[in-house]
Amino acid sequence: MFSLAFLLFACSGADTKSSSASSKKTTQECPTCPECPKGSDASLSAAEQELLSNSIEDLRAGIRGFDQQSIGVCRGSGKNCETFLGKEALDLPEGTYILYAKLTAPKIKKGKGWKVDYKKECTITKKTKNGESVTNNTYSKEYDGIVFSKKGFRLAPLATIKSPGKYGQQECQWKLTFHNVNGTEEISGKWSVPAAKTP
């Protein structure tokens, strides 16, 4: 009888110790929860919002014309816009013209600068003894260094235009694509010049 009671007590004590040890082991292996890093809140304070509001509006506006007469065809040569004629200038009278762009960009610089794509497609029609000869001409260029300037950033001349057309009647379409932070924006137009009279 004594031996049976002793065995039961011994087994009971062993289980208790084992259970207690197991409980302590489990508690020690539980990893410590990391603390949240300070300042992780993405929201802005009122003071921060006030300081950044103009910059955010500027970024959203993206690349744009410096003023109302800064993207289009001009009478002039070189980089000078003597008389602004608009985005569309058809049947240009005799003279020299340029396709002109004077831009403003966000003050916050993106990499090397903001990107603008230029594309021009022209059709030249020349009258011949056998009818008409039609030639298509396409040109494109990428500008990736557009930055903010108080005086405006000039892309001029994008094209030089002479009227009348030495090689025939010229009809051209042009397009500028602005790559802004929230997508692209396009501005387009066209010009035409008559063919030079044959002697």
C-alpha atoms as a PDB file:
ATOM      1  CA  MET A   1       0.000   0.000   0.000  1.00  0.00           C
ATOM      2  CA  PHE A   2       2.765   2.378   0.872  1.00  0.00           C
ATOM      3  CA  SER A   3       4.654   1.631  -2.307  1.00  0.00           C
ATOM      4  CA  LEU A   4       1.542   2.297  -4.443  1.00  0.00           C
ATOM      5  CA  ALA A   5       0.873   5.652  -2.748  1.00  0.00           C
ATOM      6  CA  PHE A   6       4.510   6.630  -3.169  1.00  0.00           C
ATOM      7  CA  LEU A   7       4.452   5.777  -6.857  1.00  0.00           C
ATOM      8  CA  LEU A   8       1.294   7.831  -7.405  1.00  0.00           C
ATOM      9  CA  PHE A   9       2.804  10.836  -5.601  1.00  0.00           C
ATOM     10  CA  ALA A  10       6.050  10.510  -7.517  1.00  0.00           C
ATOM     11  CA  CYS A  11       4.272  10.363 -10.875  1.00  0.00           C
ATOM     12  CA  SER A  12       2.050  13.286  -9.935  1.00  0.00           C
ATOM     13  CA  GLY A  13       5.052  15.378  -8.942  1.00  0.00           C
ATOM     14  CA  ALA A  14       6.891  14.487 -12.155  1.00  0.00           C
ATOM     15  CA  ASP A  15       3.948  15.601 -14.268  1.00  0.00           C
ATOM     16  CA  THR A  16       3.682  18.864 -12.333  1.00  0.00           C
ATOM     17  CA  LYS A  17       7.362  19.634 -12.775  1.00  0.00           C
ATOM     18  CA  SER A  18       7.249  18.683 -16.443  1.00  0.00           C
ATOM     19  CA  SER A  19       4.177  20.845 -17.045  1.00  0.00           C
ATOM     20  CA  SER A  20       5.765  23.770 -15.164  1.00  0.00           C
ATOM     21  CA  ALA A  21       9.013  23.466 -17.105  1.00  0.00           C
ATOM     22  CA  SER A  22       7.132  23.235 -20.380  1.00  0.00           C
ATOM     23  CA  SER A  23       5.136  26.350 -19.473  1.00  0.00           C
ATOM     24  CA  LYS A  24       8.309  28.308 -18.660  1.00  0.00           C
ATOM     25  CA  LYS A  25       9.968  27.156 -21.878  1.00  0.00           C
ATOM     26  CA  THR A  26       7.018  28.264 -23.964  1.00  0.00           C
ATOM     27  CA  THR A  27       6.974  31.673 -22.252  1.00  0.00           C
ATOM     28  CA  GLN A  28      10.686  32.222 -22.884  1.00  0.00           C
ATOM     29  CA  GLU A  29      10.422  31.299 -26.595  1.00  0.00           C
ATOM     30  CA  CYS A  30       7.623  33.815 -27.284  1.00  0.00           C
ATOM     31  CA  PRO A  31       9.236  36.676 -29.301  1.00  0.00           C
ATOM     32  CA  THR A  32       9.012  40.178 -27.970  1.00  0.00           C
ATOM     33  CA  CYS A  33       6.567  42.320 -29.933  1.00  0.00           C
ATOM     34  CA  PRO A  34       8.424  45.119 -31.735  1.00  0.00           C
ATOM     35  CA  GLU A  35       7.498  48.682 -30.912  1.00  0.00           C
ATOM     36  CA  CYS A  36       6.010  50.795 -33.657  1.00  0.00           C
ATOM     37  CA  PRO A  37       8.627  53.216 -35.038  1.00  0.00           C
ATOM     38  CA  LYS A  38       8.121  56.790 -33.985  1.00  0.00           C
ATOM     39  CA  GLY A  39       6.932  59.198 -36.660  1.00  0.00           C
ATOM     40  CA  SER A  40       5.453  56.473 -38.865  1.00  0.00           C
ATOM     41  CA  ASP A  41       2.162  58.323 -39.282  1.00  0.00           C
ATOM     42  CA  ALA A  42       1.920  59.309 -42.988  1.00  0.00           C
ATOM     43  CA  SER A  43      -0.510  62.148 -42.350  1.00  0.00           C
ATOM     44  CA  LEU A  44       0.789  65.706 -42.471  1.00  0.00           C
ATOM     45  CA  SER A  45       0.429  68.316 -39.806  1.00  0.00           C
ATOM     46  CA  ALA A  46      -1.398  71.549 -40.594  1.00  0.00           C
ATOM     47  CA  ALA A  47       1.931  73.397 -40.744  1.00  0.00           C
ATOM     48  CA  GLU A  48       3.393  70.830 -43.168  1.00  0.00           C
ATOM     49  CA  GLN A  49       0.317  70.991 -45.377  1.00  0.00           C
ATOM     50  CA  GLU A  50       0.545  74.773 -45.506  1.00  0.00           C
ATOM     51  CA  LEU A  51       4.200  74.672 -46.539  1.00  0.00           C
ATOM     52  CA  LEU A  52       3.705  71.965 -49.167  1.00  0.00           C
ATOM     53  CA  SER A  53       0.383  73.088 -50.657  1.00  0.00           C
ATOM     54  CA  ASN A  54       1.968  75.336 -53.316  1.00  0.00           C
ATOM     55  CA  SER A  55       4.484  72.646 -54.316  1.00  0.00           C
ATOM     56  CA  ILE A  56       1.734  70.046 -54.663  1.00  0.00           C
ATOM     57  CA  GLU A  57      -0.358  72.390 -56.829  1.00  0.00           C
ATOM     58  CA  ASP A  58       2.732  73.121 -58.940  1.00  0.00           C
ATOM     59  CA  LEU A  59       3.425  69.389 -59.421  1.00  0.00           C
ATOM     60  CA  ARG A  60      -0.177  68.738 -60.416  1.00  0.00           C
ATOM     61  CA  ALA A  61      -0.095  71.588 -62.945  1.00  0.00           C
ATOM     62  CA  GLY A  62       2.961  69.944 -64.532  1.00  0.00           C
ATOM     63  CA  ILE A  63       4.750  71.261 -67.608  1.00  0.00           C
ATOM     64  CA  ARG A  64       2.797  74.018 -69.353  1.00  0.00           C
ATOM     65  CA  GLY A  65       3.129  77.060 -71.550  1.00  0.00           C
ATOM     66  CA  PHE A  66       4.936  79.999 -69.994  1.00  0.00           C
ATOM     67  CA  ASP A  67       2.029  82.245 -71.005  1.00  0.00           C
ATOM     68  CA  GLN A  68      -0.882  82.366 -73.459  1.00  0.00           C
ATOM     69  CA  GLN A  69       1.401  83.033 -76.446  1.00  0.00           C
ATOM     70  CA  SER A  70       4.249  80.642 -75.825  1.00  0.00           C
ATOM     71  CA  ILE A  71       3.451  77.470 -77.797  1.00  0.00           C
ATOM     72  CA  GLY A  72       2.778  77.676 -81.516  1.00  0.00           C
ATOM     73  CA  VAL A  73       3.902  79.185 -84.813  1.00  0.00           C
ATOM     74  CA  CYS A  74       5.698  82.536 -84.805  1.00  0.00           C
ATOM     75  CA  ARG A  75       6.975  84.861 -87.444  1.00  0.00           C
ATOM     76  CA  GLY A  76      10.708  85.075 -86.821  1.00  0.00           C
ATOM     77  CA  SER A  77      13.954  83.175 -87.103  1.00  0.00           C
ATOM     78  CA  GLY A  78      16.425  81.479 -84.793  1.00  0.00           C
ATOM     79  CA  LYS A  79      15.026  81.428 -81.251  1.00  0.00           C
ATOM     80  CA  ASN A  80      13.078  84.681 -81.502  1.00  0.00           C
ATOM     81  CA  CYS A  81       9.304  84.826 -81.668  1.00  0.00           C
ATOM     82  CA  GLU A  82       8.605  88.181 -83.308  1.00  0.00           C
ATOM     83  CA  THR A  83       4.867  87.732 -83.859  1.00  0.00           C
ATOM     84  CA  PHE A  84       2.857  84.897 -82.310  1.00  0.00           C
ATOM     85  CA  LEU A  85       0.365  83.394 -84.794  1.00  0.00           C
ATOM     86  CA  GLY A  86      -1.171  80.581 -82.737  1.00  0.00           C
ATOM     87  CA  LYS A  87      -1.168  76.807 -82.617  1.00  0.00           C
ATOM     88  CA  GLU A  88      -2.633  76.681 -86.118  1.00  0.00           C
ATOM     89  CA  ALA A  89      -1.249  78.839 -88.928  1.00  0.00           C
ATOM     90  CA  LEU A  90      -2.531  77.993 -92.396  1.00  0.00           C
ATOM     91  CA  ASP A  91      -1.430  79.275 -95.819  1.00  0.00           C
ATOM     92  CA  LEU A  92       1.387  81.313 -94.356  1.00  0.00           C
ATOM     93  CA  PRO A  93       2.329  84.309 -96.488  1.00  0.00           C
ATOM     94  CA  GLU A  94       5.861  84.740 -97.775  1.00  0.00           C
ATOM     95  CA  GLY A  95       8.390  84.860 -94.969  1.00  0.00           C
ATOM     96  CA  THR A  96      10.311  82.896 -92.360  1.00  0.00           C
ATOM     97  CA  TYR A  97       8.587  81.304 -89.369  1.00  0.00           C
ATOM     98  CA  ILE A  98       9.385  78.974 -86.505  1.00  0.00           C
ATOM     99  CA  LEU A  99       7.525  76.501 -84.323  1.00  0.00           C
ATOM    100  CA  TYR A 100       8.160  77.856 -80.854  1.00  0.00           C
ATOM    101  CA  ALA A 101       7.722  76.592 -77.304  1.00  0.00           C
ATOM    102  CA  LYS A 102       8.499  78.471 -74.129  1.00  0.00           C
ATOM    103  CA  LEU A 103       7.630  76.338 -71.128  1.00  0.00           C
ATOM    104  CA  THR A 104       7.456  76.419 -67.375  1.00  0.00           C
ATOM    105  CA  ALA A 105       7.990  73.281 -65.299  1.00  0.00           C
ATOM    106  CA  PRO A 106       7.456  72.321 -61.647  1.00  0.00           C
ATOM    107  CA  LYS A 107      10.102  73.754 -59.337  1.00  0.00           C
ATOM    108  CA  ILE A 108      10.687  70.293 -57.908  1.00  0.00           C
ATOM    109  CA  LYS A 109      13.108  68.628 -60.304  1.00  0.00           C
ATOM    110  CA  LYS A 110      12.567  65.064 -61.458  1.00  0.00           C
ATOM    111  CA  GLY A 111      15.862  63.264 -62.192  1.00  0.00           C
ATOM    112  CA  LYS A 112      17.647  65.138 -64.997  1.00  0.00           C
ATOM    113  CA  GLY A 113      14.504  67.174 -65.508  1.00  0.00           C
ATOM    114  CA  TRP A 114      10.998  66.797 -66.884  1.00  0.00           C
ATOM    115  CA  LYS A 115      10.402  65.093 -70.212  1.00  0.00           C
ATOM    116  CA  VAL A 116       8.770  66.435 -73.372  1.00  0.00           C
ATOM    117  CA  ASP A 117       8.298  64.568 -76.661  1.00  0.00           C
ATOM    118  CA  TYR A 118       8.036  66.450 -79.957  1.00  0.00           C
ATOM    119  CA  LYS A 119       6.649  64.986 -83.179  1.00  0.00           C
ATOM    120  CA  LYS A 120       6.098  66.513 -86.601  1.00  0.00           C
ATOM    121  CA  GLU A 121       4.429  64.940 -89.649  1.00  0.00           C
ATOM    122  CA  CYS A 122       4.489  66.772 -92.979  1.00  0.00           C
ATOM    123  CA  THR A 123       3.021  66.075 -96.391  1.00  0.00           C
ATOM    124  CA  ILE A 124       4.648  67.851 -99.331  1.00  0.00           C
ATOM    125  CA  THR A 125       2.712  67.935-102.585  1.00  0.00           C
ATOM    126  CA  LYS A 126       4.563  68.968-105.729  1.00  0.00           C
ATOM    127  CA  LYS A 127       2.968  69.441-109.117  1.00  0.00           C
ATOM    128  CA  THR A 128       4.787  67.740-111.949  1.00  0.00           C
ATOM    129  CA  LYS A 129       4.238  67.316-115.680  1.00  0.00           C
ATOM    130  CA  ASN A 130       2.635  63.930-114.986  1.00  0.00           C
ATOM    131  CA  GLY A 131       0.401  65.065-112.129  1.00  0.00           C
ATOM    132  CA  GLU A 132       1.425  65.338-108.485  1.00  0.00           C
ATOM    133  CA  SER A 133       4.254  63.959-106.391  1.00  0.00           C
ATOM    134  CA  VAL A 134       3.499  63.435-102.693  1.00  0.00           C
ATOM    135  CA  THR A 135       6.215  63.020-100.062  1.00  0.00           C
ATOM    136  CA  ASN A 136       5.665  62.281 -96.374  1.00  0.00           C
ATOM    137  CA  ASN A 137       8.184  63.426 -93.809  1.00  0.00           C
ATOM    138  CA  THR A 138       8.153  62.501 -90.107  1.00  0.00           C
ATOM    139  CA  TYR A 139      10.452  63.800 -87.390  1.00  0.00           C
ATOM    140  CA  SER A 140      10.488  63.267 -83.625  1.00  0.00           C
ATOM    141  CA  LYS A 141      12.715  64.238 -80.738  1.00  0.00           C
ATOM    142  CA  GLU A 142      12.754  63.677 -76.983  1.00  0.00           C
ATOM    143  CA  TYR A 143      13.735  66.403 -74.531  1.00  0.00           C
ATOM    144  CA  ASP A 144      14.397  65.079 -71.021  1.00  0.00           C
ATOM    145  CA  GLY A 145      16.011  68.036 -69.263  1.00  0.00           C
ATOM    146  CA  ILE A 146      13.141  70.499 -68.840  1.00  0.00           C
ATOM    147  CA  VAL A 147      13.582  72.440 -65.591  1.00  0.00           C
ATOM    148  CA  PHE A 148      11.991  75.430 -63.944  1.00  0.00           C
ATOM    149  CA  SER A 149      13.261  78.847 -65.030  1.00  0.00           C
ATOM    150  CA  LYS A 150      11.951  82.260 -64.061  1.00  0.00           C
ATOM    151  CA  LYS A 151      12.374  83.351 -67.696  1.00  0.00           C
ATOM    152  CA  GLY A 152      10.855  80.169 -69.109  1.00  0.00           C
ATOM    153  CA  PHE A 153      12.519  77.139 -70.681  1.00  0.00           C
ATOM    154  CA  ARG A 154      12.692  77.558 -74.473  1.00  0.00           C
ATOM    155  CA  LEU A 155      12.482  74.802 -77.063  1.00  0.00           C
ATOM    156  CA  ALA A 156      13.043  76.960 -80.102  1.00  0.00           C
ATOM    157  CA  PRO A 157      13.056  76.516 -82.920  1.00  0.00           C
ATOM    158  CA  LEU A 158      11.322  73.148 -82.912  1.00  0.00           C
ATOM    159  CA  ALA A 159      10.949  73.650 -86.661  1.00  0.00           C
ATOM    160  CA  THR A 160      11.951  76.296 -89.210  1.00  0.00           C
ATOM    161  CA  ILE A 161       9.251  77.120 -91.762  1.00  0.00           C
ATOM    162  CA  LYS A 162       9.738  79.000 -95.021  1.00  0.00           C
ATOM    163  CA  SER A 163       6.937  80.174 -97.247  1.00  0.00           C
ATOM    164  CA  PRO A 164       6.367  79.576-100.071  1.00  0.00           C
ATOM    165  CA  GLY A 165       7.498  75.965-100.076  1.00  0.00           C
ATOM    166  CA  LYS A 166      10.478  75.409-102.329  1.00  0.00           C
ATOM    167  CA  TYR A 167       9.604  71.749-102.887  1.00  0.00           C
ATOM    168  CA  GLY A 168       5.828  72.146-103.070  1.00  0.00           C
ATOM    169  CA  GLN A 169       2.790  72.779-100.908  1.00  0.00           C
ATOM    170  CA  GLN A 170       3.517  71.830 -97.323  1.00  0.00           C
ATOM    171  CA  GLU A 171       0.957  70.668 -94.745  1.00  0.00           C
ATOM    172  CA  CYS A 172       2.300  69.784 -91.313  1.00  0.00           C
ATOM    173  CA  GLN A 173       0.888  68.624 -88.003  1.00  0.00           C
ATOM    174  CA  TRP A 174       2.837  68.875 -84.775  1.00  0.00           C
ATOM    175  CA  LYS A 175       2.400  67.562 -81.249  1.00  0.00           C
ATOM    176  CA  LEU A 176       4.086  68.099 -77.890  1.00  0.00           C
ATOM    177  CA  THR A 177       3.610  65.481 -75.175  1.00  0.00           C
ATOM    178  CA  PHE A 178       4.342  66.543 -71.595  1.00  0.00           C
ATOM    179  CA  HIS A 179       5.262  63.732 -69.190  1.00  0.00           C
ATOM    180  CA  ASN A 180       3.935  64.915 -65.831  1.00  0.00           C
ATOM    181  CA  VAL A 181       3.847  63.253 -62.423  1.00  0.00           C
ATOM    182  CA  ASN A 182       0.208  62.141 -62.854  1.00  0.00           C
ATOM    183  CA  GLY A 183       0.332  61.205 -66.546  1.00  0.00           C
ATOM    184  CA  THR A 184       0.779  62.862 -69.928  1.00  0.00           C
ATOM    185  CA  GLU A 185      -0.748  65.921 -71.546  1.00  0.00           C
ATOM    186  CA  GLU A 186      -0.713  66.731 -75.270  1.00  0.00           C
ATOM    187  CA  ILE A 187      -0.750  70.014 -77.146  1.00  0.00           C
ATOM    188  CA  SER A 188      -1.012  69.946 -80.922  1.00  0.00           C
ATOM    189  CA  GLY A 189      -1.459  72.170 -83.929  1.00  0.00           C
ATOM    190  CA  LYS A 190      -0.679  72.527 -87.628  1.00  0.00           C
ATOM    191  CA  TRP A 191       0.651  74.828 -90.309  1.00  0.00           C
ATOM    192  CA  SER A 192       0.655  74.972 -94.082  1.00  0.00           C
ATOM    193  CA  VAL A 193       2.506  76.908 -96.767  1.00  0.00           C
ATOM    194  CA  PRO A 194       1.683  77.238-100.465  1.00  0.00           C
ATOM    195  CA  ALA A 195       3.993  75.921-103.149  1.00  0.00           C
ATOM    196  CA  ALA A 196       6.447  78.301-104.763  1.00  0.00           C
ATOM    197  CA  LYS A 197       5.348  79.365-108.218  1.00  0.00           C
ATOM    198  CA  THR A 198       7.240  77.681-111.016  1.00  0.00           C
ATOM    199  CA  PRO A 199       8.818  80.006-113.593  1.00  0.00           C
END
